[in-house]
Amino acid sequence: MPGRGGFRTERSPDGRYRWQLKSPNGRLVAVSPVGYETPGEAERGFADLRVAGPGLVARITHVRDGIGWIWVVPGARGLPEIRSSRAYERYATCQNAFRRFVVLLAKLDGPGAAVPEPQGPQGPLRPSDGD
């Protein structure tokens, strides 16, 4: 992906690897809360995510400590698989950020780029119980 955006893996302080996704303007869009043992595992996890992109469902929830909303895509055991990189002041802004994330996934170059263009509203959204 040209410019400052794209996918990358980083080693976190706990020694595990996590991925990040940046938009073309360089702003951090999404992060993996899950830690992987190797950079290759993180890359495979992200590739799987790209394939699932158009069908992803986010849970919009209020942050526990502070003000704002975050989006989270729960994994198989209900633990966060993907999350927004920051809290958003407004609920609607958070919804739109998730929709832009799904579109960005579909536009990435490289392996798994054959993800179909999303149709209509991007990714169904479900408010959490605490709204």
N, C-alpha and C. Protein backbone atom coordinates (compact mmCIF):
# COMPACT_ATOMS: atom_id res chain seq x y z
N MET A 1 0.85 -1.17 0.00
CA MET A 1 0.00 0.00 0.00
C MET A 1 0.90 1.23 0.00
N PRO A 2 0.71 2.16 -0.93
CA PRO A 2 1.56 3.33 -0.98
C PRO A 2 1.28 4.28 0.17
N GLY A 3 2.24 5.17 0.45
CA GLY A 3 2.04 6.16 1.49
C GLY A 3 2.39 5.62 2.86
N ARG A 4 1.79 6.22 3.86
CA ARG A 4 2.12 5.91 5.24
C ARG A 4 1.23 4.83 5.84
N GLY A 5 0.25 4.35 5.11
CA GLY A 5 -0.68 3.39 5.66
C GLY A 5 -0.26 1.96 5.42
N GLY A 6 -1.11 1.05 5.86
CA GLY A 6 -0.87 -0.35 5.62
C GLY A 6 -0.83 -1.18 6.88
N PHE A 7 -0.50 -2.43 6.68
CA PHE A 7 -0.44 -3.43 7.73
C PHE A 7 1.00 -3.59 8.20
N ARG A 8 1.16 -3.77 9.51
CA ARG A 8 2.50 -4.12 10.01
C ARG A 8 2.36 -4.85 11.33
N THR A 9 3.38 -5.65 11.64
CA THR A 9 3.41 -6.33 12.92
C THR A 9 4.48 -5.67 13.79
N GLU A 10 4.24 -5.68 15.08
CA GLU A 10 5.19 -5.13 16.04
C GLU A 10 5.29 -6.05 17.23
N ARG A 11 6.45 -6.06 17.83
CA ARG A 11 6.64 -6.84 19.05
C ARG A 11 6.24 -5.96 20.24
N SER A 12 5.36 -6.50 21.07
CA SER A 12 4.89 -5.74 22.23
C SER A 12 5.81 -5.99 23.42
N PRO A 13 5.66 -5.20 24.48
CA PRO A 13 6.52 -5.37 25.65
C PRO A 13 6.47 -6.76 26.27
N ASP A 14 5.36 -7.49 26.08
CA ASP A 14 5.27 -8.84 26.64
C ASP A 14 5.96 -9.89 25.76
N GLY A 15 6.59 -9.45 24.67
CA GLY A 15 7.34 -10.36 23.80
C GLY A 15 6.51 -11.01 22.70
N ARG A 16 5.22 -10.77 22.70
CA ARG A 16 4.35 -11.32 21.66
C ARG A 16 4.21 -10.31 20.53
N TYR A 17 3.68 -10.77 19.39
CA TYR A 17 3.53 -9.92 18.22
C TYR A 17 2.06 -9.56 18.03
N ARG A 18 1.85 -8.30 17.67
CA ARG A 18 0.51 -7.80 17.39
C ARG A 18 0.55 -7.05 16.07
N TRP A 19 -0.58 -7.04 15.36
CA TRP A 19 -0.61 -6.29 14.11
C TRP A 19 -1.34 -4.97 14.31
N GLN A 20 -1.05 -4.06 13.39
CA GLN A 20 -1.70 -2.75 13.35
C GLN A 20 -2.09 -2.49 11.90
N LEU A 21 -3.17 -1.75 11.71
CA LEU A 21 -3.57 -1.32 10.38
C LEU A 21 -3.72 0.18 10.38
N LYS A 22 -3.02 0.82 9.43
CA LYS A 22 -3.08 2.28 9.29
C LYS A 22 -3.75 2.64 7.98
N SER A 23 -4.46 3.75 7.99
CA SER A 23 -5.08 4.26 6.77
C SER A 23 -4.00 4.92 5.91
N PRO A 24 -4.30 5.22 4.64
CA PRO A 24 -3.30 5.85 3.77
C PRO A 24 -2.76 7.18 4.32
N ASN A 25 -3.52 7.88 5.17
CA ASN A 25 -3.02 9.13 5.73
C ASN A 25 -2.13 8.90 6.95
N GLY A 26 -1.90 7.63 7.31
CA GLY A 26 -1.00 7.32 8.41
C GLY A 26 -1.67 7.15 9.76
N ARG A 27 -2.97 7.38 9.83
CA ARG A 27 -3.68 7.27 11.11
C ARG A 27 -3.94 5.80 11.44
N LEU A 28 -3.67 5.43 12.67
CA LEU A 28 -3.90 4.07 13.14
C LEU A 28 -5.40 3.81 13.21
N VAL A 29 -5.86 2.72 12.56
CA VAL A 29 -7.28 2.41 12.43
C VAL A 29 -7.69 1.28 13.35
N ALA A 30 -6.92 0.19 13.36
CA ALA A 30 -7.29 -0.99 14.14
C ALA A 30 -6.04 -1.70 14.63
N VAL A 31 -6.22 -2.44 15.72
CA VAL A 31 -5.11 -3.20 16.31
C VAL A 31 -5.61 -4.58 16.73
N SER A 32 -4.67 -5.49 16.86
CA SER A 32 -5.02 -6.83 17.35
C SER A 32 -4.75 -6.87 18.85
N PRO A 33 -5.79 -7.06 19.65
CA PRO A 33 -5.55 -7.22 21.08
C PRO A 33 -4.91 -8.57 21.39
N VAL A 34 -5.05 -9.51 20.46
CA VAL A 34 -4.49 -10.86 20.62
C VAL A 34 -2.99 -10.81 20.33
N GLY A 35 -2.19 -11.44 21.18
CA GLY A 35 -0.76 -11.54 20.95
C GLY A 35 -0.43 -12.85 20.27
N TYR A 36 0.46 -12.80 19.29
CA TYR A 36 0.88 -14.00 18.55
C TYR A 36 2.33 -14.32 18.90
N GLU A 37 2.68 -15.60 18.80
CA GLU A 37 4.03 -16.05 19.14
C GLU A 37 5.08 -15.57 18.13
N THR A 38 4.72 -15.49 16.84
CA THR A 38 5.67 -15.10 15.79
C THR A 38 5.02 -14.06 14.88
N PRO A 39 5.85 -13.30 14.16
CA PRO A 39 5.29 -12.35 13.19
C PRO A 39 4.47 -13.07 12.11
N GLY A 40 4.89 -14.29 11.73
CA GLY A 40 4.16 -15.06 10.73
C GLY A 40 2.75 -15.41 11.19
N GLU A 41 2.60 -15.74 12.48
CA GLU A 41 1.26 -16.03 13.01
C GLU A 41 0.38 -14.79 12.96
N ALA A 42 0.95 -13.64 13.29
CA ALA A 42 0.19 -12.38 13.23
C ALA A 42 -0.24 -12.10 11.80
N GLU A 43 0.66 -12.33 10.85
CA GLU A 43 0.32 -12.10 9.44
C GLU A 43 -0.77 -13.05 8.97
N ARG A 44 -0.71 -14.31 9.38
CA ARG A 44 -1.76 -15.27 9.01
C ARG A 44 -3.10 -14.88 9.64
N GLY A 45 -3.07 -14.43 10.88
CA GLY A 45 -4.29 -13.97 11.54
C GLY A 45 -4.92 -12.81 10.80
N PHE A 46 -4.08 -11.88 10.34
CA PHE A 46 -4.58 -10.74 9.59
C PHE A 46 -5.11 -11.17 8.23
N ALA A 47 -4.44 -12.11 7.56
CA ALA A 47 -4.91 -12.61 6.27
C ALA A 47 -6.29 -13.27 6.43
N ASP A 48 -6.48 -14.04 7.49
CA ASP A 48 -7.78 -14.65 7.75
C ASP A 48 -8.85 -13.57 7.97
N LEU A 49 -8.47 -12.53 8.67
CA LEU A 49 -9.37 -11.42 8.92
C LEU A 49 -9.81 -10.75 7.60
N ARG A 50 -8.86 -10.58 6.70
CA ARG A 50 -9.18 -9.94 5.41
C ARG A 50 -10.19 -10.77 4.62
N VAL A 51 -10.07 -12.07 4.67
CA VAL A 51 -11.02 -12.93 3.97
C VAL A 51 -12.41 -12.77 4.58
N ALA A 52 -12.48 -12.65 5.89
CA ALA A 52 -13.76 -12.52 6.58
C ALA A 52 -14.31 -11.10 6.55
N GLY A 53 -13.53 -10.14 6.09
CA GLY A 53 -13.85 -8.72 6.15
C GLY A 53 -15.29 -8.32 5.90
N PRO A 54 -15.86 -8.67 4.75
CA PRO A 54 -17.23 -8.22 4.48
C PRO A 54 -18.27 -8.77 5.46
N GLY A 55 -17.99 -9.88 6.11
CA GLY A 55 -18.95 -10.47 7.05
C GLY A 55 -18.69 -10.13 8.50
N LEU A 56 -17.71 -9.29 8.80
CA LEU A 56 -17.40 -8.96 10.19
C LEU A 56 -18.53 -8.20 10.85
N VAL A 57 -18.76 -8.49 12.10
CA VAL A 57 -19.78 -7.81 12.90
C VAL A 57 -19.08 -7.19 14.10
N ALA A 58 -19.29 -5.90 14.30
CA ALA A 58 -18.67 -5.21 15.43
C ALA A 58 -19.67 -4.99 16.54
N ARG A 59 -19.15 -4.99 17.74
CA ARG A 59 -19.93 -4.62 18.93
C ARG A 59 -19.44 -3.23 19.32
N ILE A 60 -20.36 -2.27 19.38
CA ILE A 60 -20.01 -0.91 19.78
C ILE A 60 -20.28 -0.81 21.28
N THR A 61 -19.28 -0.39 22.02
CA THR A 61 -19.43 -0.34 23.47
C THR A 61 -18.78 0.92 24.04
N HIS A 62 -19.30 1.35 25.16
CA HIS A 62 -18.74 2.52 25.85
C HIS A 62 -17.47 2.08 26.57
N VAL A 63 -16.46 2.92 26.55
CA VAL A 63 -15.22 2.58 27.24
C VAL A 63 -15.46 2.52 28.74
N ARG A 64 -14.73 1.65 29.42
CA ARG A 64 -14.93 1.47 30.86
C ARG A 64 -14.41 2.65 31.66
N ASP A 65 -13.20 3.06 31.37
CA ASP A 65 -12.58 4.16 32.12
C ASP A 65 -12.41 5.35 31.20
N GLY A 66 -13.35 6.26 31.22
CA GLY A 66 -13.23 7.44 30.39
C GLY A 66 -14.49 7.71 29.59
N ILE A 67 -14.32 8.55 28.60
CA ILE A 67 -15.43 8.98 27.78
C ILE A 67 -15.21 8.48 26.37
N GLY A 68 -16.25 7.94 25.76
CA GLY A 68 -16.16 7.56 24.37
C GLY A 68 -16.64 6.17 24.08
N TRP A 69 -16.56 5.82 22.80
CA TRP A 69 -17.04 4.55 22.27
C TRP A 69 -15.94 3.87 21.49
N ILE A 70 -15.89 2.55 21.57
CA ILE A 70 -14.94 1.76 20.78
C ILE A 70 -15.73 0.68 20.04
N TRP A 71 -15.15 0.20 18.94
CA TRP A 71 -15.73 -0.96 18.28
C TRP A 71 -14.81 -2.15 18.50
N VAL A 72 -15.42 -3.31 18.67
CA VAL A 72 -14.69 -4.54 18.93
C VAL A 72 -15.33 -5.64 18.09
N VAL A 73 -14.50 -6.46 17.44
CA VAL A 73 -15.00 -7.65 16.75
C VAL A 73 -14.64 -8.84 17.62
N PRO A 74 -15.65 -9.49 18.21
CA PRO A 74 -15.36 -10.62 19.08
C PRO A 74 -14.89 -11.84 18.30
N GLY A 75 -13.98 -12.58 18.90
CA GLY A 75 -13.47 -13.81 18.30
C GLY A 75 -14.33 -15.00 18.69
N ALA A 76 -13.79 -16.18 18.44
CA ALA A 76 -14.52 -17.43 18.66
C ALA A 76 -14.96 -17.61 20.12
N ARG A 77 -14.14 -17.22 21.07
CA ARG A 77 -14.47 -17.40 22.49
C ARG A 77 -15.06 -16.14 23.13
N GLY A 78 -15.47 -15.19 22.29
CA GLY A 78 -16.04 -13.96 22.81
C GLY A 78 -15.02 -12.91 23.20
N LEU A 79 -13.73 -13.26 23.13
CA LEU A 79 -12.68 -12.30 23.43
C LEU A 79 -12.43 -11.42 22.21
N PRO A 80 -11.99 -10.18 22.41
CA PRO A 80 -11.76 -9.29 21.26
C PRO A 80 -10.72 -9.86 20.30
N GLU A 81 -11.08 -9.91 19.03
CA GLU A 81 -10.16 -10.34 17.98
C GLU A 81 -9.53 -9.13 17.30
N ILE A 82 -10.33 -8.09 17.18
CA ILE A 82 -9.91 -6.82 16.58
C ILE A 82 -10.58 -5.72 17.39
N ARG A 83 -9.93 -4.57 17.47
CA ARG A 83 -10.58 -3.44 18.12
C ARG A 83 -10.12 -2.14 17.48
N SER A 84 -10.92 -1.12 17.70
CA SER A 84 -10.54 0.19 17.21
C SER A 84 -9.28 0.63 17.94
N SER A 85 -8.51 1.47 17.29
CA SER A 85 -7.25 1.91 17.89
C SER A 85 -7.44 2.99 18.92
N ARG A 86 -8.64 3.57 18.96
CA ARG A 86 -8.90 4.65 19.91
C ARG A 86 -10.39 4.71 20.21
N ALA A 87 -10.74 5.52 21.21
CA ALA A 87 -12.15 5.77 21.54
C ALA A 87 -12.65 6.95 20.71
N TYR A 88 -13.92 6.89 20.36
CA TYR A 88 -14.57 7.95 19.59
C TYR A 88 -15.56 8.67 20.48
N GLU A 89 -15.66 9.98 20.31
CA GLU A 89 -16.52 10.78 21.16
C GLU A 89 -18.00 10.46 20.95
N ARG A 90 -18.37 10.17 19.71
CA ARG A 90 -19.78 9.91 19.39
C ARG A 90 -19.98 8.48 18.92
N TYR A 91 -21.14 7.94 19.26
CA TYR A 91 -21.51 6.58 18.86
C TYR A 91 -21.49 6.44 17.33
N ALA A 92 -22.12 7.39 16.64
CA ALA A 92 -22.21 7.34 15.17
C ALA A 92 -20.83 7.42 14.52
N THR A 93 -19.93 8.19 15.09
CA THR A 93 -18.57 8.29 14.56
C THR A 93 -17.86 6.95 14.68
N CYS A 94 -18.09 6.26 15.78
CA CYS A 94 -17.51 4.94 15.99
C CYS A 94 -18.05 3.94 14.97
N GLN A 95 -19.36 3.98 14.72
CA GLN A 95 -19.96 3.12 13.69
C GLN A 95 -19.31 3.36 12.34
N ASN A 96 -19.16 4.61 11.98
CA ASN A 96 -18.56 4.95 10.69
C ASN A 96 -17.10 4.52 10.61
N ALA A 97 -16.39 4.61 11.71
CA ALA A 97 -14.99 4.18 11.74
C ALA A 97 -14.89 2.68 11.44
N PHE A 98 -15.80 1.89 12.00
CA PHE A 98 -15.79 0.46 11.71
C PHE A 98 -16.09 0.22 10.23
N ARG A 99 -17.04 0.92 9.68
CA ARG A 99 -17.36 0.77 8.25
C ARG A 99 -16.17 1.11 7.38
N ARG A 100 -15.45 2.17 7.74
CA ARG A 100 -14.24 2.54 6.97
C ARG A 100 -13.15 1.47 7.11
N PHE A 101 -13.05 0.85 8.27
CA PHE A 101 -12.09 -0.24 8.48
C PHE A 101 -12.38 -1.39 7.53
N VAL A 102 -13.65 -1.78 7.40
CA VAL A 102 -14.02 -2.88 6.51
C VAL A 102 -13.69 -2.54 5.06
N VAL A 103 -13.94 -1.31 4.65
CA VAL A 103 -13.62 -0.88 3.28
C VAL A 103 -12.10 -0.90 3.08
N LEU A 104 -11.35 -0.44 4.07
CA LEU A 104 -9.89 -0.44 3.97
C LEU A 104 -9.35 -1.86 3.83
N LEU A 105 -9.91 -2.80 4.55
CA LEU A 105 -9.50 -4.21 4.42
C LEU A 105 -9.64 -4.68 2.98
N ALA A 106 -10.74 -4.33 2.35
CA ALA A 106 -11.02 -4.78 0.98
C ALA A 106 -10.09 -4.13 -0.04
N LYS A 107 -9.54 -2.97 0.28
CA LYS A 107 -8.69 -2.25 -0.67
C LYS A 107 -7.21 -2.58 -0.57
N LEU A 108 -6.80 -3.34 0.43
CA LEU A 108 -5.38 -3.64 0.63
C LEU A 108 -4.82 -4.48 -0.51
N ASP A 109 -3.56 -4.24 -0.84
CA ASP A 109 -2.86 -5.04 -1.84
C ASP A 109 -2.21 -6.23 -1.16
N GLY A 110 -1.78 -7.20 -1.96
CA GLY A 110 -1.02 -8.33 -1.43
C GLY A 110 -1.85 -9.57 -1.28
N PRO A 111 -1.32 -10.58 -0.57
CA PRO A 111 -2.02 -11.85 -0.39
C PRO A 111 -3.39 -11.63 0.22
N GLY A 112 -4.36 -12.34 -0.31
CA GLY A 112 -5.72 -12.23 0.19
C GLY A 112 -6.46 -11.02 -0.34
N ALA A 113 -5.87 -10.32 -1.34
CA ALA A 113 -6.49 -9.10 -1.85
C ALA A 113 -7.75 -9.37 -2.66
N ALA A 114 -8.06 -10.60 -2.93
CA ALA A 114 -9.24 -10.92 -3.72
C ALA A 114 -10.51 -10.90 -2.88
N VAL A 115 -10.52 -10.10 -1.83
CA VAL A 115 -11.71 -9.96 -1.00
C VAL A 115 -12.72 -9.15 -1.80
N PRO A 116 -13.95 -9.61 -1.94
CA PRO A 116 -14.93 -8.87 -2.73
C PRO A 116 -15.23 -7.51 -2.11
N GLU A 117 -15.53 -6.53 -2.97
CA GLU A 117 -15.91 -5.21 -2.50
C GLU A 117 -17.20 -5.32 -1.70
N PRO A 118 -17.25 -4.74 -0.51
CA PRO A 118 -18.47 -4.80 0.29
C PRO A 118 -19.63 -4.10 -0.43
N GLN A 119 -20.83 -4.58 -0.21
CA GLN A 119 -22.03 -4.02 -0.82
C GLN A 119 -22.88 -3.35 0.26
N GLY A 120 -23.43 -2.21 -0.02
CA GLY A 120 -24.37 -1.56 0.89
C GLY A 120 -23.71 -1.16 2.20
N PRO A 121 -24.49 -1.06 3.28
CA PRO A 121 -23.91 -0.69 4.58
C PRO A 121 -22.83 -1.70 4.98
N GLN A 122 -21.73 -1.19 5.46
CA GLN A 122 -20.58 -2.02 5.77
C GLN A 122 -20.64 -2.62 7.14
N GLY A 123 -20.72 -3.93 7.21
CA GLY A 123 -20.65 -4.62 8.48
C GLY A 123 -21.77 -4.29 9.43
N PRO A 124 -22.64 -5.23 9.70
CA PRO A 124 -23.71 -4.98 10.67
C PRO A 124 -23.14 -4.63 12.02
N LEU A 125 -23.79 -3.75 12.70
CA LEU A 125 -23.32 -3.30 14.01
C LEU A 125 -24.35 -3.65 15.06
N ARG A 126 -23.87 -4.05 16.23
CA ARG A 126 -24.74 -4.41 17.33
C ARG A 126 -24.35 -3.59 18.55
N PRO A 127 -25.26 -2.80 19.11
CA PRO A 127 -24.90 -2.11 20.36
C PRO A 127 -24.71 -3.13 21.48
N SER A 128 -23.83 -2.81 22.40
CA SER A 128 -23.64 -3.69 23.54
C SER A 128 -24.75 -3.45 24.54
N ASP A 129 -24.83 -4.29 25.54
CA ASP A 129 -25.90 -4.19 26.53
C ASP A 129 -25.83 -2.92 27.36
N GLY A 130 -24.66 -2.32 27.47
CA GLY A 130 -24.50 -1.16 28.34
C GLY A 130 -24.88 0.16 27.71
N ASP A 131 -25.54 0.18 26.56
CA ASP A 131 -25.84 1.45 25.88
C ASP A 131 -27.02 2.17 26.46
